[in-house]
Amino acid sequence: MKAEIHPKYFASTMTCACGATYKTGSTLEKIDIELCSACHPFFTGKQKILDTARRVEKFTGKAEKKSATVKTAKDKAAERAARAQTKAAKKANSDTSIKSVSR
């Protein structure tokens, strides 16, 4: 290895925002991290949301509106049947009015 071209290597300490500390090797003496295996939702199973711009609240609001307006297959079928009945009734009425005019 060439001398003086490599960075210094430290036995550094990683400190998480939750307070957990880990020893590791790095070119930095001290490393501050936001999430670790002790506080990450994937490993803990708990949901932790850092929402500074209300993005999560906006998204959940939009999702709730969407789910409230989404129609089920039964609702769609009932609407189609109702439209078919009104269309058939209009056609029957127009057929009788045409017959009565042509006589």
PDB file of N, CA and C in Angstrom:
ATOM      1  N   MET A   1       0.839  -1.184   0.000  1.00  0.00           N
ATOM      2  CA  MET A   1       0.000   0.000   0.000  1.00  0.00           C
ATOM      3  C   MET A   1       0.883   1.247   0.000  1.00  0.00           C
ATOM      4  N   LYS A   2       0.414   2.238  -0.687  1.00  0.00           N
ATOM      5  CA  LYS A   2       1.145   3.493  -0.698  1.00  0.00           C
ATOM      6  C   LYS A   2       0.885   4.243   0.602  1.00  0.00           C
ATOM      7  N   ALA A   3       1.849   4.916   1.093  1.00  0.00           N
ATOM      8  CA  ALA A   3       1.710   5.680   2.329  1.00  0.00           C
ATOM      9  C   ALA A   3       1.044   7.019   2.048  1.00  0.00           C
ATOM     10  N   GLU A   4       0.269   7.491   2.992  1.00  0.00           N
ATOM     11  CA  GLU A   4      -0.366   8.811   3.014  1.00  0.00           C
ATOM     12  C   GLU A   4      -1.405   9.056   1.927  1.00  0.00           C
ATOM     13  N   ILE A   5      -1.960   8.042   1.307  1.00  0.00           N
ATOM     14  CA  ILE A   5      -3.056   8.273   0.353  1.00  0.00           C
ATOM     15  C   ILE A   5      -4.384   7.743   0.880  1.00  0.00           C
ATOM     16  N   HIS A   6      -4.356   6.970   1.934  1.00  0.00           N
ATOM     17  CA  HIS A   6      -5.581   6.393   2.480  1.00  0.00           C
ATOM     18  C   HIS A   6      -6.075   7.224   3.653  1.00  0.00           C
ATOM     19  N   PRO A   7      -7.402   7.321   3.816  1.00  0.00           N
ATOM     20  CA  PRO A   7      -7.922   8.086   4.957  1.00  0.00           C
ATOM     21  C   PRO A   7      -7.680   7.336   6.263  1.00  0.00           C
ATOM     22  N   LYS A   8      -7.756   8.074   7.365  1.00  0.00           N
ATOM     23  CA  LYS A   8      -7.582   7.443   8.674  1.00  0.00           C
ATOM     24  C   LYS A   8      -8.797   6.574   8.965  1.00  0.00           C
ATOM     25  N   TYR A   9      -8.569   5.478   9.614  1.00  0.00           N
ATOM     26  CA  TYR A   9      -9.635   4.531   9.950  1.00  0.00           C
ATOM     27  C   TYR A   9      -9.778   4.510  11.469  1.00  0.00           C
ATOM     28  N   PHE A  10     -11.026   4.748  11.931  1.00  0.00           N
ATOM     29  CA  PHE A  10     -11.283   4.848  13.364  1.00  0.00           C
ATOM     30  C   PHE A  10     -12.174   3.703  13.829  1.00  0.00           C
ATOM     31  N   ALA A  11     -12.086   3.392  15.100  1.00  0.00           N
ATOM     32  CA  ALA A  11     -13.075   2.532  15.750  1.00  0.00           C
ATOM     33  C   ALA A  11     -14.164   3.497  16.227  1.00  0.00           C
ATOM     34  N   SER A  12     -15.139   3.770  15.338  1.00  0.00           N
ATOM     35  CA  SER A  12     -16.102   4.838  15.579  1.00  0.00           C
ATOM     36  C   SER A  12     -17.325   4.352  16.350  1.00  0.00           C
ATOM     37  N   THR A  13     -18.088   5.314  16.831  1.00  0.00           N
ATOM     38  CA  THR A  13     -19.315   5.046  17.580  1.00  0.00           C
ATOM     39  C   THR A  13     -20.489   5.605  16.797  1.00  0.00           C
ATOM     40  N   MET A  14     -21.489   4.769  16.516  1.00  0.00           N
ATOM     41  CA  MET A  14     -22.718   5.216  15.875  1.00  0.00           C
ATOM     42  C   MET A  14     -23.746   5.442  16.968  1.00  0.00           C
ATOM     43  N   THR A  15     -24.380   6.618  16.964  1.00  0.00           N
ATOM     44  CA  THR A  15     -25.388   6.946  17.955  1.00  0.00           C
ATOM     45  C   THR A  15     -26.703   7.200  17.238  1.00  0.00           C
ATOM     46  N   CYS A  16     -27.741   6.497  17.643  1.00  0.00           N
ATOM     47  CA  CYS A  16     -29.065   6.644  17.040  1.00  0.00           C
ATOM     48  C   CYS A  16     -29.852   7.713  17.796  1.00  0.00           C
ATOM     49  N   ALA A  17     -30.901   8.227  17.156  1.00  0.00           N
ATOM     50  CA  ALA A  17     -31.763   9.216  17.786  1.00  0.00           C
ATOM     51  C   ALA A  17     -32.511   8.616  18.970  1.00  0.00           C
ATOM     52  N   CYS A  18     -32.700   7.291  18.972  1.00  0.00           N
ATOM     53  CA  CYS A  18     -33.405   6.642  20.081  1.00  0.00           C
ATOM     54  C   CYS A  18     -32.494   6.422  21.280  1.00  0.00           C
ATOM     55  N   GLY A  19     -31.182   6.649  21.112  1.00  0.00           N
ATOM     56  CA  GLY A  19     -30.245   6.505  22.212  1.00  0.00           C
ATOM     57  C   GLY A  19     -29.365   5.273  22.125  1.00  0.00           C
ATOM     58  N   ALA A  20     -29.610   4.392  21.203  1.00  0.00           N
ATOM     59  CA  ALA A  20     -28.799   3.190  21.052  1.00  0.00           C
ATOM     60  C   ALA A  20     -27.439   3.561  20.465  1.00  0.00           C
ATOM     61  N   THR A  21     -26.403   2.900  20.935  1.00  0.00           N
ATOM     62  CA  THR A  21     -25.063   3.144  20.409  1.00  0.00           C
ATOM     63  C   THR A  21     -24.475   1.836  19.906  1.00  0.00           C
ATOM     64  N   TYR A  22     -23.672   1.943  18.845  1.00  0.00           N
ATOM     65  CA  TYR A  22     -23.037   0.784  18.232  1.00  0.00           C
ATOM     66  C   TYR A  22     -21.577   1.126  17.946  1.00  0.00           C
ATOM     67  N   LYS A  23     -20.725   0.152  18.080  1.00  0.00           N
ATOM     68  CA  LYS A  23     -19.309   0.300  17.747  1.00  0.00           C
ATOM     69  C   LYS A  23     -19.096  -0.279  16.357  1.00  0.00           C
ATOM     70  N   THR A  24     -18.375   0.464  15.515  1.00  0.00           N
ATOM     71  CA  THR A  24     -18.096   0.017  14.163  1.00  0.00           C
ATOM     72  C   THR A  24     -16.804   0.662  13.686  1.00  0.00           C
ATOM     73  N   GLY A  25     -16.342   0.303  12.532  1.00  0.00           N
ATOM     74  CA  GLY A  25     -15.166   0.914  11.946  1.00  0.00           C
ATOM     75  C   GLY A  25     -15.568   1.846  10.826  1.00  0.00           C
ATOM     76  N   SER A  26     -14.941   3.017  10.790  1.00  0.00           N
ATOM     77  CA  SER A  26     -15.297   3.990   9.774  1.00  0.00           C
ATOM     78  C   SER A  26     -14.187   5.017   9.631  1.00  0.00           C
ATOM     79  N   THR A  27     -14.293   5.851   8.598  1.00  0.00           N
ATOM     80  CA  THR A  27     -13.357   6.956   8.437  1.00  0.00           C
ATOM     81  C   THR A  27     -13.807   8.174   9.235  1.00  0.00           C
ATOM     82  N   LEU A  28     -14.980   8.096   9.864  1.00  0.00           N
ATOM     83  CA  LEU A  28     -15.484   9.153  10.748  1.00  0.00           C
ATOM     84  C   LEU A  28     -15.391   8.668  12.187  1.00  0.00           C
ATOM     85  N   GLU A  29     -15.057   9.568  13.102  1.00  0.00           N
ATOM     86  CA  GLU A  29     -14.945   9.152  14.498  1.00  0.00           C
ATOM     87  C   GLU A  29     -16.303   8.937  15.132  1.00  0.00           C
ATOM     88  N   LYS A  30     -17.262   9.805  14.819  1.00  0.00           N
ATOM     89  CA  LYS A  30     -18.591   9.721  15.422  1.00  0.00           C
ATOM     90  C   LYS A  30     -19.634   9.829  14.317  1.00  0.00           C
ATOM     91  N   ILE A  31     -20.627   8.942  14.350  1.00  0.00           N
ATOM     92  CA  ILE A  31     -21.689   8.928  13.345  1.00  0.00           C
ATOM     93  C   ILE A  31     -23.024   9.041  14.065  1.00  0.00           C
ATOM     94  N   ASP A  32     -23.849   9.999  13.636  1.00  0.00           N
ATOM     95  CA  ASP A  32     -25.205  10.153  14.178  1.00  0.00           C
ATOM     96  C   ASP A  32     -26.197   9.661  13.135  1.00  0.00           C
ATOM     97  N   ILE A  33     -27.096   8.767  13.543  1.00  0.00           N
ATOM     98  CA  ILE A  33     -28.093   8.216  12.633  1.00  0.00           C
ATOM     99  C   ILE A  33     -29.486   8.458  13.201  1.00  0.00           C
ATOM    100  N   GLU A  34     -30.508   8.400  12.339  1.00  0.00           N
ATOM    101  CA  GLU A  34     -31.883   8.639  12.760  1.00  0.00           C
ATOM    102  C   GLU A  34     -32.601   7.360  13.147  1.00  0.00           C
ATOM    103  N   LEU A  35     -32.343   6.282  12.434  1.00  0.00           N
ATOM    104  CA  LEU A  35     -33.019   5.016  12.680  1.00  0.00           C
ATOM    105  C   LEU A  35     -31.997   3.894  12.791  1.00  0.00           C
ATOM    106  N   CYS A  36     -32.292   2.949  13.668  1.00  0.00           N
ATOM    107  CA  CYS A  36     -31.440   1.769  13.804  1.00  0.00           C
ATOM    108  C   CYS A  36     -32.347   0.548  13.940  1.00  0.00           C
ATOM    109  N   SER A  37     -31.756  -0.605  14.138  1.00  0.00           N
ATOM    110  CA  SER A  37     -32.562  -1.820  14.259  1.00  0.00           C
ATOM    111  C   SER A  37     -33.384  -1.834  15.541  1.00  0.00           C
ATOM    112  N   ALA A  38     -33.033  -1.018  16.510  1.00  0.00           N
ATOM    113  CA  ALA A  38     -33.798  -0.967  17.758  1.00  0.00           C
ATOM    114  C   ALA A  38     -35.064  -0.125  17.621  1.00  0.00           C
ATOM    115  N   CYS A  39     -35.088   0.813  16.669  1.00  0.00           N
ATOM    116  CA  CYS A  39     -36.254   1.694  16.559  1.00  0.00           C
ATOM    117  C   CYS A  39     -36.893   1.687  15.176  1.00  0.00           C
ATOM    118  N   HIS A  40     -36.341   0.961  14.210  1.00  0.00           N
ATOM    119  CA  HIS A  40     -36.916   0.933  12.862  1.00  0.00           C
ATOM    120  C   HIS A  40     -38.228   0.147  12.870  1.00  0.00           C
ATOM    121  N   PRO A  41     -39.281   0.670  12.211  1.00  0.00           N
ATOM    122  CA  PRO A  41     -40.587  -0.002  12.217  1.00  0.00           C
ATOM    123  C   PRO A  41     -40.560  -1.420  11.660  1.00  0.00           C
ATOM    124  N   PHE A  42     -39.675  -1.697  10.722  1.00  0.00           N
ATOM    125  CA  PHE A  42     -39.604  -3.041  10.140  1.00  0.00           C
ATOM    126  C   PHE A  42     -39.204  -4.064  11.188  1.00  0.00           C
ATOM    127  N   PHE A  43     -38.268  -3.702  12.045  1.00  0.00           N
ATOM    128  CA  PHE A  43     -37.769  -4.627  13.049  1.00  0.00           C
ATOM    129  C   PHE A  43     -38.615  -4.637  14.317  1.00  0.00           C
ATOM    130  N   THR A  44     -39.233  -3.497  14.663  1.00  0.00           N
ATOM    131  CA  THR A  44     -40.000  -3.408  15.908  1.00  0.00           C
ATOM    132  C   THR A  44     -41.468  -3.762  15.714  1.00  0.00           C
ATOM    133  N   GLY A  45     -41.978  -3.590  14.505  1.00  0.00           N
ATOM    134  CA  GLY A  45     -43.386  -3.860  14.251  1.00  0.00           C
ATOM    135  C   GLY A  45     -44.281  -2.704  14.654  1.00  0.00           C
ATOM    136  N   LYS A  46     -43.719  -1.609  15.115  1.00  0.00           N
ATOM    137  CA  LYS A  46     -44.484  -0.427  15.507  1.00  0.00           C
ATOM    138  C   LYS A  46     -44.337   0.631  14.431  1.00  0.00           C
ATOM    139  N   GLN A  47     -45.442   1.341  14.186  1.00  0.00           N
ATOM    140  CA  GLN A  47     -45.409   2.383  13.170  1.00  0.00           C
ATOM    141  C   GLN A  47     -44.931   3.681  13.798  1.00  0.00           C
ATOM    142  N   LYS A  48     -43.930   4.288  13.182  1.00  0.00           N
ATOM    143  CA  LYS A  48     -43.377   5.543  13.664  1.00  0.00           C
ATOM    144  C   LYS A  48     -43.325   6.475  12.466  1.00  0.00           C
ATOM    145  N   ILE A  49     -44.051   7.580  12.536  1.00  0.00           N
ATOM    146  CA  ILE A  49     -44.128   8.481  11.402  1.00  0.00           C
ATOM    147  C   ILE A  49     -43.514   9.824  11.793  1.00  0.00           C
ATOM    148  N   LEU A  50     -42.538  10.264  11.019  1.00  0.00           N
ATOM    149  CA  LEU A  50     -41.965  11.588  11.181  1.00  0.00           C
ATOM    150  C   LEU A  50     -42.551  12.445  10.072  1.00  0.00           C
ATOM    151  N   ASP A  51     -43.562  13.234  10.401  1.00  0.00           N
ATOM    152  CA  ASP A  51     -44.302  13.986   9.401  1.00  0.00           C
ATOM    153  C   ASP A  51     -44.159  15.473   9.692  1.00  0.00           C
ATOM    154  N   THR A  52     -43.325  16.132   8.926  1.00  0.00           N
ATOM    155  CA  THR A  52     -43.114  17.553   9.172  1.00  0.00           C
ATOM    156  C   THR A  52     -43.981  18.422   8.273  1.00  0.00           C
ATOM    157  N   ALA A  53     -44.403  17.932   7.145  1.00  0.00           N
ATOM    158  CA  ALA A  53     -45.171  18.747   6.205  1.00  0.00           C
ATOM    159  C   ALA A  53     -46.598  18.249   6.037  1.00  0.00           C
ATOM    160  N   ARG A  54     -47.123  17.499   6.996  1.00  0.00           N
ATOM    161  CA  ARG A  54     -48.489  16.958   6.962  1.00  0.00           C
ATOM    162  C   ARG A  54     -48.728  16.067   5.742  1.00  0.00           C
ATOM    163  N   ARG A  55     -47.713  15.477   5.177  1.00  0.00           N
ATOM    164  CA  ARG A  55     -47.881  14.638   3.989  1.00  0.00           C
ATOM    165  C   ARG A  55     -48.687  13.391   4.301  1.00  0.00           C
ATOM    166  N   VAL A  56     -48.441  12.792   5.448  1.00  0.00           N
ATOM    167  CA  VAL A  56     -49.148  11.568   5.807  1.00  0.00           C
ATOM    168  C   VAL A  56     -50.627  11.867   6.030  1.00  0.00           C
ATOM    169  N   GLU A  57     -50.937  12.954   6.734  1.00  0.00           N
ATOM    170  CA  GLU A  57     -52.340  13.316   6.972  1.00  0.00           C
ATOM    171  C   GLU A  57     -53.056  13.613   5.658  1.00  0.00           C
ATOM    172  N   LYS A  58     -52.389  14.310   4.759  1.00  0.00           N
ATOM    173  CA  LYS A  58     -53.000  14.603   3.456  1.00  0.00           C
ATOM    174  C   LYS A  58     -53.271  13.320   2.685  1.00  0.00           C
ATOM    175  N   PHE A  59     -52.302  12.411   2.688  1.00  0.00           N
ATOM    176  CA  PHE A  59     -52.463  11.151   1.964  1.00  0.00           C
ATOM    177  C   PHE A  59     -53.604  10.329   2.552  1.00  0.00           C
ATOM    178  N   THR A  60     -53.659  10.213   3.888  1.00  0.00           N
ATOM    179  CA  THR A  60     -54.733   9.428   4.503  1.00  0.00           C
ATOM    180  C   THR A  60     -56.086  10.060   4.239  1.00  0.00           C
ATOM    181  N   GLY A  61     -56.145  11.390   4.218  1.00  0.00           N
ATOM    182  CA  GLY A  61     -57.406  12.065   3.900  1.00  0.00           C
ATOM    183  C   GLY A  61     -57.868  11.755   2.491  1.00  0.00           C
ATOM    184  N   LYS A  62     -56.929  11.800   1.537  1.00  0.00           N
ATOM    185  CA  LYS A  62     -57.274  11.486   0.152  1.00  0.00           C
ATOM    186  C   LYS A  62     -57.687  10.019   0.015  1.00  0.00           C
ATOM    187  N   ALA A  63     -56.995   9.139   0.714  1.00  0.00           N
ATOM    188  CA  ALA A  63     -57.317   7.713   0.639  1.00  0.00           C
ATOM    189  C   ALA A  63     -58.692   7.434   1.223  1.00  0.00           C
ATOM    190  N   GLU A  64     -59.049   8.123   2.309  1.00  0.00           N
ATOM    191  CA  GLU A  64     -60.372   7.928   2.905  1.00  0.00           C
ATOM    192  C   GLU A  64     -61.471   8.418   1.971  1.00  0.00           C
ATOM    193  N   LYS A  65     -61.250   9.566   1.321  1.00  0.00           N
ATOM    194  CA  LYS A  65     -62.243  10.074   0.366  1.00  0.00           C
ATOM    195  C   LYS A  65     -62.418   9.092  -0.785  1.00  0.00           C
ATOM    196  N   LYS A  66     -61.297   8.570  -1.271  1.00  0.00           N
ATOM    197  CA  LYS A  66     -61.345   7.627  -2.392  1.00  0.00           C
ATOM    198  C   LYS A  66     -62.090   6.354  -2.003  1.00  0.00           C
ATOM    199  N   SER A  67     -61.812   5.828  -0.812  1.00  0.00           N
ATOM    200  CA  SER A  67     -62.468   4.593  -0.394  1.00  0.00           C
ATOM    201  C   SER A  67     -63.947   4.821  -0.119  1.00  0.00           C
ATOM    202  N   ALA A  68     -64.320   6.041   0.258  1.00  0.00           N
ATOM    203  CA  ALA A  68     -65.733   6.340   0.496  1.00  0.00           C
ATOM    204  C   ALA A  68     -66.509   6.395  -0.815  1.00  0.00           C
ATOM    205  N   THR A  69     -65.862   6.801  -1.909  1.00  0.00           N
ATOM    206  CA  THR A  69     -66.551   6.923  -3.180  1.00  0.00           C
ATOM    207  C   THR A  69     -66.421   5.695  -4.063  1.00  0.00           C
ATOM    208  N   VAL A  70     -65.565   4.766  -3.713  1.00  0.00           N
ATOM    209  CA  VAL A  70     -65.382   3.557  -4.513  1.00  0.00           C
ATOM    210  C   VAL A  70     -66.627   2.678  -4.383  1.00  0.00           C
ATOM    211  N   LYS A  71     -67.109   2.242  -5.528  1.00  0.00           N
ATOM    212  CA  LYS A  71     -68.313   1.412  -5.552  1.00  0.00           C
ATOM    213  C   LYS A  71     -67.920  -0.054  -5.651  1.00  0.00           C
ATOM    214  N   THR A  72     -68.704  -0.891  -5.015  1.00  0.00           N
ATOM    215  CA  THR A  72     -68.453  -2.318  -5.089  1.00  0.00           C
ATOM    216  C   THR A  72     -69.053  -2.869  -6.375  1.00  0.00           C
ATOM    217  N   ALA A  73     -68.755  -4.095  -6.670  1.00  0.00           N
ATOM    218  CA  ALA A  73     -69.279  -4.722  -7.887  1.00  0.00           C
ATOM    219  C   ALA A  73     -70.798  -4.817  -7.832  1.00  0.00           C
ATOM    220  N   LYS A  74     -71.348  -5.062  -6.637  1.00  0.00           N
ATOM    221  CA  LYS A  74     -72.805  -5.139  -6.501  1.00  0.00           C
ATOM    222  C   LYS A  74     -73.447  -3.791  -6.791  1.00  0.00           C
ATOM    223  N   ASP A  75     -72.829  -2.700  -6.301  1.00  0.00           N
ATOM    224  CA  ASP A  75     -73.362  -1.363  -6.555  1.00  0.00           C
ATOM    225  C   ASP A  75     -73.342  -1.046  -8.045  1.00  0.00           C
ATOM    226  N   LYS A  76     -72.245  -1.392  -8.706  1.00  0.00           N
ATOM    227  CA  LYS A  76     -72.136  -1.140 -10.138  1.00  0.00           C
ATOM    228  C   LYS A  76     -73.168  -1.942 -10.917  1.00  0.00           C
ATOM    229  N   ALA A  77     -73.375  -3.199 -10.539  1.00  0.00           N
ATOM    230  CA  ALA A  77     -74.362  -4.036 -11.220  1.00  0.00           C
ATOM    231  C   ALA A  77     -75.763  -3.488 -11.015  1.00  0.00           C
ATOM    232  N   ALA A  78     -76.060  -3.008  -9.818  1.00  0.00           N
ATOM    233  CA  ALA A  78     -77.381  -2.441  -9.548  1.00  0.00           C
ATOM    234  C   ALA A  78     -77.607  -1.182 -10.378  1.00  0.00           C
ATOM    235  N   GLU A  79     -76.587  -0.352 -10.528  1.00  0.00           N
ATOM    236  CA  GLU A  79     -76.716   0.852 -11.353  1.00  0.00           C
ATOM    237  C   GLU A  79     -76.942   0.500 -12.818  1.00  0.00           C
ATOM    238  N   ARG A  80     -76.209  -0.503 -13.314  1.00  0.00           N
ATOM    239  CA  ARG A  80     -76.402  -0.922 -14.703  1.00  0.00           C
ATOM    240  C   ARG A  80     -77.812  -1.452 -14.923  1.00  0.00           C
ATOM    241  N   ALA A  81     -78.312  -2.221 -13.960  1.00  0.00           N
ATOM    242  CA  ALA A  81     -79.672  -2.766 -14.092  1.00  0.00           C
ATOM    243  C   ALA A  81     -80.700  -1.638 -14.084  1.00  0.00           C
ATOM    244  N   ALA A  82     -80.504  -0.650 -13.231  1.00  0.00           N
ATOM    245  CA  ALA A  82     -81.441   0.476 -13.168  1.00  0.00           C
ATOM    246  C   ALA A  82     -81.415   1.268 -14.476  1.00  0.00           C
ATOM    247  N   ARG A  83     -80.215   1.496 -15.028  1.00  0.00           N
ATOM    248  CA  ARG A  83     -80.116   2.201 -16.304  1.00  0.00           C
ATOM    249  C   ARG A  83     -80.774   1.399 -17.423  1.00  0.00           C
ATOM    250  N   ALA A  84     -80.579   0.091 -17.409  1.00  0.00           N
ATOM    251  CA  ALA A  84     -81.187  -0.755 -18.445  1.00  0.00           C
ATOM    252  C   ALA A  84     -82.707  -0.697 -18.354  1.00  0.00           C
ATOM    253  N   GLN A  85     -83.240  -0.687 -17.143  1.00  0.00           N
ATOM    254  CA  GLN A  85     -84.700  -0.608 -16.975  1.00  0.00           C
ATOM    255  C   GLN A  85     -85.233   0.733 -17.472  1.00  0.00           C
ATOM    256  N   THR A  86     -84.587   1.832 -17.131  1.00  0.00           N
ATOM    257  CA  THR A  86     -85.066   3.140 -17.595  1.00  0.00           C
ATOM    258  C   THR A  86     -84.935   3.253 -19.109  1.00  0.00           C
ATOM    259  N   LYS A  87     -83.877   2.686 -19.664  1.00  0.00           N
ATOM    260  CA  LYS A  87     -83.700   2.721 -21.114  1.00  0.00           C
ATOM    261  C   LYS A  87     -84.784   1.901 -21.803  1.00  0.00           C
ATOM    262  N   ALA A  88     -85.083   0.729 -21.227  1.00  0.00           N
ATOM    263  CA  ALA A  88     -86.135  -0.114 -21.801  1.00  0.00           C
ATOM    264  C   ALA A  88     -87.495   0.578 -21.684  1.00  0.00           C
ATOM    265  N   ALA A  89     -87.739   1.250 -20.576  1.00  0.00           N
ATOM    266  CA  ALA A  89     -89.013   1.958 -20.399  1.00  0.00           C
ATOM    267  C   ALA A  89     -89.138   3.103 -21.398  1.00  0.00           C
ATOM    268  N   LYS A  90     -88.071   3.842 -21.611  1.00  0.00           N
ATOM    269  CA  LYS A  90     -88.109   4.935 -22.589  1.00  0.00           C
ATOM    270  C   LYS A  90     -88.343   4.402 -23.993  1.00  0.00           C
ATOM    271  N   LYS A  91     -87.687   3.276 -24.313  1.00  0.00           N
ATOM    272  CA  LYS A  91     -87.854   2.700 -25.639  1.00  0.00           C
ATOM    273  C   LYS A  91     -89.296   2.220 -25.831  1.00  0.00           C
ATOM    274  N   ALA A  92     -89.856   1.613 -24.786  1.00  0.00           N
ATOM    275  CA  ALA A  92     -91.241   1.144 -24.878  1.00  0.00           C
ATOM    276  C   ALA A  92     -92.189   2.322 -25.052  1.00  0.00           C
ATOM    277  N   ASN A  93     -91.953   3.399 -24.344  1.00  0.00           N
ATOM    278  CA  ASN A  93     -92.786   4.595 -24.469  1.00  0.00           C
ATOM    279  C   ASN A  93     -92.645   5.219 -25.848  1.00  0.00           C
ATOM    280  N   SER A  94     -91.448   5.271 -26.387  1.00  0.00           N
ATOM    281  CA  SER A  94     -91.239   5.866 -27.700  1.00  0.00           C
ATOM    282  C   SER A  94     -91.842   4.970 -28.783  1.00  0.00           C
ATOM    283  N   ASP A  95     -91.815   3.646 -28.625  1.00  0.00           N
ATOM    284  CA  ASP A  95     -92.411   2.742 -29.588  1.00  0.00           C
ATOM    285  C   ASP A  95     -93.938   2.929 -29.625  1.00  0.00           C
ATOM    286  N   THR A  96     -94.577   3.056 -28.467  1.00  0.00           N
ATOM    287  CA  THR A  96     -96.039   3.242 -28.426  1.00  0.00           C
ATOM    288  C   THR A  96     -96.423   4.606 -28.964  1.00  0.00           C
ATOM    289  N   SER A  97     -95.604   5.617 -28.730  1.00  0.00           N
ATOM    290  CA  SER A  97     -95.946   6.944 -29.256  1.00  0.00           C
ATOM    291  C   SER A  97     -95.756   6.976 -30.760  1.00  0.00           C
ATOM    292  N   ILE A  98     -94.796   6.268 -31.294  1.00  0.00           N
ATOM    293  CA  ILE A  98     -94.596   6.211 -32.741  1.00  0.00           C
ATOM    294  C   ILE A  98     -95.750   5.477 -33.392  1.00  0.00           C
ATOM    295  N   LYS A  99     -96.217   4.381 -32.785  1.00  0.00           N
ATOM    296  CA  LYS A  99     -97.320   3.618 -33.336  1.00  0.00           C
ATOM    297  C   LYS A  99     -98.589   4.435 -33.329  1.00  0.00           C
ATOM    298  N   SER A 100     -98.819   5.204 -32.266  1.00  0.00           N
ATOM    299  CA  SER A 100    -100.034   5.985 -32.177  1.00  0.00           C
ATOM    300  C   SER A 100    -100.008   7.140 -33.154  1.00  0.00           C
ATOM    301  N   VAL A 101     -98.857   7.702 -33.493  1.00  0.00           N
ATOM    302  CA  VAL A 101     -98.739   8.791 -34.448  1.00  0.00           C
ATOM    303  C   VAL A 101     -98.889   8.261 -35.854  1.00  0.00           C
ATOM    304  N   SER A 102     -98.382   7.101 -36.155  1.00  0.00           N
ATOM    305  CA  SER A 102     -98.434   6.568 -37.520  1.00  0.00           C
ATOM    306  C   SER A 102     -99.812   6.059 -37.880  1.00  0.00           C
ATOM    307  N   ARG A 103    -100.693   5.827 -36.958  1.00  0.00           N
ATOM    308  CA  ARG A 103    -102.045   5.328 -37.289  1.00  0.00           C
ATOM    309  C   ARG A 103    -102.932   6.387 -37.728  1.00  0.00           C
TER     310      ARG A 103
END
